[in-house]
Amino acid sequence: MIVDPLAVVPAFLAMTPNDTAEQRIRTARLACWVAAGVLLVFSLAGQIIFRFMGITMPAFQIAASILLLIVALDMVRAQRSRVQETHEETKAGTEKTDIAVTPLAIPMLAGPGAISTTVLLQNEARDIPQHIALYGCILAVSFVSYLVLRLAARGTRWLNPIMMSIAIRIMGLLLAAVAIQFMLNAIKAFRLELIAPIPI
């Protein structure tokens, strides 16, 4: 799954049913910054990170699927837990990070597909201009993602609360399906690695 902010919008709105437009915009901004940072880090040192930590892409996909599944089940039951904030933090407008980092930034925006694609493009880049173009594309995609989520956050004032409640459960179900698909893809990739011919 490559970065697709339009596909993220329904889940983004469903996971922030009680947030104001400004709170949603802060969440979207933080999520896009984190997604950009993750993709930039993996574009620079993705293979080194995986190799150093002994992590395979199927393992990363399974971890992402478990995270998404937990969030999806909470959405279906309308029991999404929130990070507790003090009165001072709320008054100061501290950014809420409960869904901005996970699952919004990772893995919904910067998912296994986006990360693996970034690592692949980095390996195919042959000179400095190509590397710069890749980094510029990552920043541009993150900025466009922020604009899309910002527009969605502003538009929620016209949404019916009952429709939002229904959307939360529907998106929870769809998010659970995405999580299971992540897991199936990881299992398939792992099986292909197991049966791959050993070079002589």
C-alpha atoms as a PDB file:
ATOM      1  CA  MET A   1       0.000   0.000   0.000  1.00  0.00           C
ATOM      2  CA  ILE A   2       1.624   3.276  -1.147  1.00  0.00           C
ATOM      3  CA  VAL A   3       0.873   6.652   0.490  1.00  0.00           C
ATOM      4  CA  ASP A   4      -2.805   7.390  -0.198  1.00  0.00           C
ATOM      5  CA  PRO A   5      -4.196  10.262   1.925  1.00  0.00           C
ATOM      6  CA  LEU A   6      -7.632  10.074   0.272  1.00  0.00           C
ATOM      7  CA  ALA A   7      -8.046   6.503   1.473  1.00  0.00           C
ATOM      8  CA  VAL A   8      -6.941   7.555   4.968  1.00  0.00           C
ATOM      9  CA  VAL A   9      -9.531  10.352   5.300  1.00  0.00           C
ATOM     10  CA  PRO A  10     -12.524   8.224   6.404  1.00  0.00           C
ATOM     11  CA  ALA A  11     -10.489   6.402   9.058  1.00  0.00           C
ATOM     12  CA  PHE A  12      -8.914   9.699  10.174  1.00  0.00           C
ATOM     13  CA  LEU A  13     -12.345  11.255  10.744  1.00  0.00           C
ATOM     14  CA  ALA A  14     -13.729   8.099  12.349  1.00  0.00           C
ATOM     15  CA  MET A  15     -10.836   7.897  14.814  1.00  0.00           C
ATOM     16  CA  THR A  16     -11.282  11.534  15.911  1.00  0.00           C
ATOM     17  CA  PRO A  17     -15.048  11.779  16.481  1.00  0.00           C
ATOM     18  CA  ASN A  18     -14.825  14.183  19.441  1.00  0.00           C
ATOM     19  CA  ASP A  19     -12.004  16.385  18.175  1.00  0.00           C
ATOM     20  CA  THR A  20     -12.445  19.934  16.955  1.00  0.00           C
ATOM     21  CA  ALA A  21     -11.280  20.968  13.500  1.00  0.00           C
ATOM     22  CA  GLU A  22      -8.157  22.555  14.993  1.00  0.00           C
ATOM     23  CA  GLN A  23      -7.325  19.416  16.952  1.00  0.00           C
ATOM     24  CA  ARG A  24      -7.743  17.323  13.815  1.00  0.00           C
ATOM     25  CA  ILE A  25      -5.474  19.673  11.875  1.00  0.00           C
ATOM     26  CA  ARG A  26      -2.784  19.435  14.569  1.00  0.00           C
ATOM     27  CA  THR A  27      -3.068  15.654  14.480  1.00  0.00           C
ATOM     28  CA  ALA A  28      -2.830  15.631  10.679  1.00  0.00           C
ATOM     29  CA  ARG A  29       0.188  17.951  10.707  1.00  0.00           C
ATOM     30  CA  LEU A  30       2.061  15.807  13.236  1.00  0.00           C
ATOM     31  CA  ALA A  31       1.150  12.604  11.386  1.00  0.00           C
ATOM     32  CA  CYS A  32       2.450  13.941   8.078  1.00  0.00           C
ATOM     33  CA  TRP A  33       5.680  15.183   9.657  1.00  0.00           C
ATOM     34  CA  VAL A  34       6.229  11.778  11.253  1.00  0.00           C
ATOM     35  CA  ALA A  35       5.412   9.955   8.009  1.00  0.00           C
ATOM     36  CA  ALA A  36       7.858  12.153   6.096  1.00  0.00           C
ATOM     37  CA  GLY A  37      10.540  11.583   8.718  1.00  0.00           C
ATOM     38  CA  VAL A  38      10.057   7.813   8.681  1.00  0.00           C
ATOM     39  CA  LEU A  39      10.229   7.631   4.883  1.00  0.00           C
ATOM     40  CA  LEU A  40      13.306   9.864   4.784  1.00  0.00           C
ATOM     41  CA  VAL A  41      15.069   7.765   7.422  1.00  0.00           C
ATOM     42  CA  PHE A  42      14.301   4.536   5.592  1.00  0.00           C
ATOM     43  CA  SER A  43      15.326   6.044   2.269  1.00  0.00           C
ATOM     44  CA  LEU A  44      18.689   6.946   3.784  1.00  0.00           C
ATOM     45  CA  ALA A  45      19.319   3.853   5.894  1.00  0.00           C
ATOM     46  CA  GLY A  46      16.448   1.419   5.401  1.00  0.00           C
ATOM     47  CA  GLN A  47      18.438  -1.660   4.513  1.00  0.00           C
ATOM     48  CA  ILE A  48      21.021  -0.923   7.201  1.00  0.00           C
ATOM     49  CA  ILE A  49      18.276  -0.608   9.848  1.00  0.00           C
ATOM     50  CA  PHE A  50      16.577  -3.851   8.842  1.00  0.00           C
ATOM     51  CA  ARG A  51      19.875  -5.713   8.592  1.00  0.00           C
ATOM     52  CA  PHE A  52      21.213  -4.355  11.901  1.00  0.00           C
ATOM     53  CA  MET A  53      18.045  -5.234  13.813  1.00  0.00           C
ATOM     54  CA  GLY A  54      17.473  -8.508  11.986  1.00  0.00           C
ATOM     55  CA  ILE A  55      14.030  -7.411  10.784  1.00  0.00           C
ATOM     56  CA  THR A  56      12.474  -8.651   7.557  1.00  0.00           C
ATOM     57  CA  MET A  57       9.721  -6.866   5.636  1.00  0.00           C
ATOM     58  CA  PRO A  58       7.189  -9.649   6.444  1.00  0.00           C
ATOM     59  CA  ALA A  59       7.911  -9.127  10.152  1.00  0.00           C
ATOM     60  CA  PHE A  60       7.330  -5.381   9.746  1.00  0.00           C
ATOM     61  CA  GLN A  61       4.061  -6.036   7.932  1.00  0.00           C
ATOM     62  CA  ILE A  62       2.812  -8.382  10.659  1.00  0.00           C
ATOM     63  CA  ALA A  63       3.654  -5.828  13.362  1.00  0.00           C
ATOM     64  CA  ALA A  64       1.770  -3.151  11.403  1.00  0.00           C
ATOM     65  CA  SER A  65      -1.217  -5.468  10.921  1.00  0.00           C
ATOM     66  CA  ILE A  66      -1.450  -6.209  14.657  1.00  0.00           C
ATOM     67  CA  LEU A  67      -1.374  -2.488  15.454  1.00  0.00           C
ATOM     68  CA  LEU A  68      -4.095  -1.734  12.907  1.00  0.00           C
ATOM     69  CA  LEU A  69      -6.215  -4.633  14.145  1.00  0.00           C
ATOM     70  CA  ILE A  70      -6.150  -3.361  17.733  1.00  0.00           C
ATOM     71  CA  VAL A  71      -7.240   0.112  16.613  1.00  0.00           C
ATOM     72  CA  ALA A  72      -9.919  -1.360  14.333  1.00  0.00           C
ATOM     73  CA  LEU A  73     -11.443  -3.465  17.122  1.00  0.00           C
ATOM     74  CA  ASP A  74     -11.618  -0.403  19.382  1.00  0.00           C
ATOM     75  CA  MET A  75     -13.347   1.524  16.598  1.00  0.00           C
ATOM     76  CA  VAL A  76     -15.925  -1.214  16.020  1.00  0.00           C
ATOM     77  CA  ARG A  77     -16.720  -1.255  19.749  1.00  0.00           C
ATOM     78  CA  ALA A  78     -16.464   2.561  20.015  1.00  0.00           C
ATOM     79  CA  GLN A  79     -13.901   2.128  22.781  1.00  0.00           C
ATOM     80  CA  ARG A  80     -10.837   3.899  21.402  1.00  0.00           C
ATOM     81  CA  SER A  81      -8.633   4.778  24.372  1.00  0.00           C
ATOM     82  CA  ARG A  82      -7.170   8.268  24.491  1.00  0.00           C
ATOM     83  CA  VAL A  83      -3.963   9.611  25.948  1.00  0.00           C
ATOM     84  CA  GLN A  84      -4.788  11.361  29.207  1.00  0.00           C
ATOM     85  CA  GLU A  85      -4.063  15.084  29.186  1.00  0.00           C
ATOM     86  CA  THR A  86      -3.711  17.439  32.138  1.00  0.00           C
ATOM     87  CA  HIS A  87      -5.677  20.688  32.256  1.00  0.00           C
ATOM     88  CA  GLU A  88      -2.453  22.613  31.650  1.00  0.00           C
ATOM     89  CA  GLU A  89      -1.637  20.565  28.571  1.00  0.00           C
ATOM     90  CA  THR A  90      -5.123  21.036  27.180  1.00  0.00           C
ATOM     91  CA  LYS A  91      -5.030  24.750  27.884  1.00  0.00           C
ATOM     92  CA  ALA A  92      -1.630  25.071  26.230  1.00  0.00           C
ATOM     93  CA  GLY A  93      -2.919  23.254  23.175  1.00  0.00           C
ATOM     94  CA  THR A  94      -0.375  20.453  23.386  1.00  0.00           C
ATOM     95  CA  GLU A  95      -0.568  18.250  20.313  1.00  0.00           C
ATOM     96  CA  LYS A  96      -2.348  14.970  20.885  1.00  0.00           C
ATOM     97  CA  THR A  97      -0.217  12.043  19.804  1.00  0.00           C
ATOM     98  CA  ASP A  98      -2.602   9.158  20.470  1.00  0.00           C
ATOM     99  CA  ILE A  99      -3.359   8.460  16.813  1.00  0.00           C
ATOM    100  CA  ALA A 100      -1.048  10.913  15.043  1.00  0.00           C
ATOM    101  CA  VAL A 101       2.041   8.712  15.283  1.00  0.00           C
ATOM    102  CA  THR A 102       0.292   5.337  15.291  1.00  0.00           C
ATOM    103  CA  PRO A 103      -1.688   4.311  13.372  1.00  0.00           C
ATOM    104  CA  LEU A 104      -2.122   7.471  11.272  1.00  0.00           C
ATOM    105  CA  ALA A 105       1.514   8.154  10.388  1.00  0.00           C
ATOM    106  CA  ILE A 106       2.611   4.534  10.770  1.00  0.00           C
ATOM    107  CA  PRO A 107       1.363   2.392   9.107  1.00  0.00           C
ATOM    108  CA  MET A 108      -1.565   4.180   7.406  1.00  0.00           C
ATOM    109  CA  LEU A 109       0.518   6.851   5.633  1.00  0.00           C
ATOM    110  CA  ALA A 110       4.031   5.421   5.893  1.00  0.00           C
ATOM    111  CA  GLY A 111       3.111   1.753   5.706  1.00  0.00           C
ATOM    112  CA  PRO A 112       5.142  -1.287   4.716  1.00  0.00           C
ATOM    113  CA  GLY A 113       4.446  -0.671   1.036  1.00  0.00           C
ATOM    114  CA  ALA A 114       5.581   2.950   1.167  1.00  0.00           C
ATOM    115  CA  ILE A 115       8.675   2.061   3.187  1.00  0.00           C
ATOM    116  CA  SER A 116       9.672  -0.840   0.939  1.00  0.00           C
ATOM    117  CA  THR A 117       9.086   1.313  -2.173  1.00  0.00           C
ATOM    118  CA  THR A 118      11.249   4.070  -0.698  1.00  0.00           C
ATOM    119  CA  VAL A 119      14.060   1.626   0.068  1.00  0.00           C
ATOM    120  CA  LEU A 120      13.806   0.194  -3.459  1.00  0.00           C
ATOM    121  CA  LEU A 121      13.917   3.633  -5.121  1.00  0.00           C
ATOM    122  CA  GLN A 122      16.871   4.621  -2.955  1.00  0.00           C
ATOM    123  CA  ASN A 123      18.766   1.550  -4.146  1.00  0.00           C
ATOM    124  CA  GLU A 124      17.973   2.390  -7.781  1.00  0.00           C
ATOM    125  CA  ALA A 125      19.098   6.022  -7.499  1.00  0.00           C
ATOM    126  CA  ARG A 126      22.470   6.314  -9.255  1.00  0.00           C
ATOM    127  CA  ASP A 127      23.572   9.882  -8.593  1.00  0.00           C
ATOM    128  CA  ILE A 128      22.988  12.855  -6.284  1.00  0.00           C
ATOM    129  CA  PRO A 129      20.229  14.509  -8.402  1.00  0.00           C
ATOM    130  CA  GLN A 130      18.208  11.266  -8.317  1.00  0.00           C
ATOM    131  CA  HIS A 131      18.615  11.027  -4.544  1.00  0.00           C
ATOM    132  CA  ILE A 132      17.532  14.656  -4.140  1.00  0.00           C
ATOM    133  CA  ALA A 133      14.526  14.018  -6.393  1.00  0.00           C
ATOM    134  CA  LEU A 134      13.494  11.085  -4.180  1.00  0.00           C
ATOM    135  CA  TYR A 135      13.724  13.167  -0.997  1.00  0.00           C
ATOM    136  CA  GLY A 136      11.811  15.988  -2.672  1.00  0.00           C
ATOM    137  CA  CYS A 137       9.055  13.579  -3.714  1.00  0.00           C
ATOM    138  CA  ILE A 138       8.742  12.292  -0.141  1.00  0.00           C
ATOM    139  CA  LEU A 139       8.353  15.841   1.198  1.00  0.00           C
ATOM    140  CA  ALA A 140       5.889  16.761  -1.566  1.00  0.00           C
ATOM    141  CA  VAL A 141       3.733  13.687  -0.943  1.00  0.00           C
ATOM    142  CA  SER A 142       3.708  14.409   2.796  1.00  0.00           C
ATOM    143  CA  PHE A 143       2.677  18.027   2.179  1.00  0.00           C
ATOM    144  CA  VAL A 144      -0.145  16.993  -0.156  1.00  0.00           C
ATOM    145  CA  SER A 145      -1.273  14.426   2.424  1.00  0.00           C
ATOM    146  CA  TYR A 146      -1.444  17.195   5.019  1.00  0.00           C
ATOM    147  CA  LEU A 147      -3.508  19.408   2.705  1.00  0.00           C
ATOM    148  CA  VAL A 148      -5.954  16.545   2.045  1.00  0.00           C
ATOM    149  CA  LEU A 149      -6.370  15.761   5.757  1.00  0.00           C
ATOM    150  CA  ARG A 150      -6.658  19.465   6.592  1.00  0.00           C
ATOM    151  CA  LEU A 151      -9.490  19.900   4.092  1.00  0.00           C
ATOM    152  CA  ALA A 152     -11.202  16.813   5.514  1.00  0.00           C
ATOM    153  CA  ALA A 153     -10.874  18.169   9.059  1.00  0.00           C
ATOM    154  CA  ARG A 154     -12.463  21.480   8.054  1.00  0.00           C
ATOM    155  CA  GLY A 155     -15.342  19.743   6.294  1.00  0.00           C
ATOM    156  CA  THR A 156     -16.543  17.690   9.269  1.00  0.00           C
ATOM    157  CA  ARG A 157     -18.673  20.523  10.649  1.00  0.00           C
ATOM    158  CA  TRP A 158     -21.387  19.522   8.152  1.00  0.00           C
ATOM    159  CA  LEU A 159     -21.372  15.837   9.129  1.00  0.00           C
ATOM    160  CA  ASN A 160     -24.269  14.371  11.108  1.00  0.00           C
ATOM    161  CA  PRO A 161     -23.193  12.881  14.517  1.00  0.00           C
ATOM    162  CA  ILE A 162     -25.259   9.743  13.852  1.00  0.00           C
ATOM    163  CA  MET A 163     -23.573   9.298  10.472  1.00  0.00           C
ATOM    164  CA  MET A 164     -20.195   9.761  12.137  1.00  0.00           C
ATOM    165  CA  SER A 165     -21.077   7.050  14.665  1.00  0.00           C
ATOM    166  CA  ILE A 166     -22.012   4.682  11.859  1.00  0.00           C
ATOM    167  CA  ALA A 167     -18.867   5.620   9.945  1.00  0.00           C
ATOM    168  CA  ILE A 168     -16.698   4.806  12.976  1.00  0.00           C
ATOM    169  CA  ARG A 169     -17.950   1.227  13.043  1.00  0.00           C
ATOM    170  CA  ILE A 170     -17.858   0.750   9.283  1.00  0.00           C
ATOM    171  CA  MET A 171     -14.319   2.112   9.060  1.00  0.00           C
ATOM    172  CA  GLY A 172     -13.332  -0.055  12.003  1.00  0.00           C
ATOM    173  CA  LEU A 173     -14.510  -3.099  10.073  1.00  0.00           C
ATOM    174  CA  LEU A 174     -12.702  -2.001   6.914  1.00  0.00           C
ATOM    175  CA  LEU A 175      -9.567  -1.198   8.904  1.00  0.00           C
ATOM    176  CA  ALA A 176      -9.680  -4.695  10.388  1.00  0.00           C
ATOM    177  CA  ALA A 177      -9.856  -6.100   6.848  1.00  0.00           C
ATOM    178  CA  VAL A 178      -6.813  -4.008   5.858  1.00  0.00           C
ATOM    179  CA  ALA A 179      -4.962  -5.331   8.911  1.00  0.00           C
ATOM    180  CA  ILE A 180      -5.763  -8.928   8.001  1.00  0.00           C
ATOM    181  CA  GLN A 181      -4.677  -8.271   4.398  1.00  0.00           C
ATOM    182  CA  PHE A 182      -1.360  -6.901   5.685  1.00  0.00           C
ATOM    183  CA  MET A 183      -0.905 -10.104   7.658  1.00  0.00           C
ATOM    184  CA  LEU A 184      -1.818 -12.344   4.710  1.00  0.00           C
ATOM    185  CA  ASN A 185       0.620 -10.464   2.468  1.00  0.00           C
ATOM    186  CA  ALA A 186       3.344 -10.900   5.074  1.00  0.00           C
ATOM    187  CA  ILE A 187       2.655 -14.632   5.401  1.00  0.00           C
ATOM    188  CA  LYS A 188       2.705 -15.016   1.616  1.00  0.00           C
ATOM    189  CA  ALA A 189       6.008 -13.144   1.348  1.00  0.00           C
ATOM    190  CA  PHE A 190       7.477 -15.233   4.160  1.00  0.00           C
ATOM    191  CA  ARG A 191       6.429 -18.472   2.463  1.00  0.00           C
ATOM    192  CA  LEU A 192       8.014 -17.317  -0.791  1.00  0.00           C
ATOM    193  CA  GLU A 193      11.252 -16.646   1.081  1.00  0.00           C
ATOM    194  CA  LEU A 194      11.148 -20.141   2.572  1.00  0.00           C
ATOM    195  CA  ILE A 195      10.680 -21.902  -0.759  1.00  0.00           C
ATOM    196  CA  ALA A 196      13.104 -19.676  -2.691  1.00  0.00           C
ATOM    197  CA  PRO A 197      15.874 -21.753  -4.300  1.00  0.00           C
ATOM    198  CA  ILE A 198      19.165 -21.673  -2.441  1.00  0.00           C
ATOM    199  CA  PRO A 199      22.011 -20.394  -4.667  1.00  0.00           C
ATOM    200  CA  ILE A 200      24.713 -22.987  -5.280  1.00  0.00           C
END
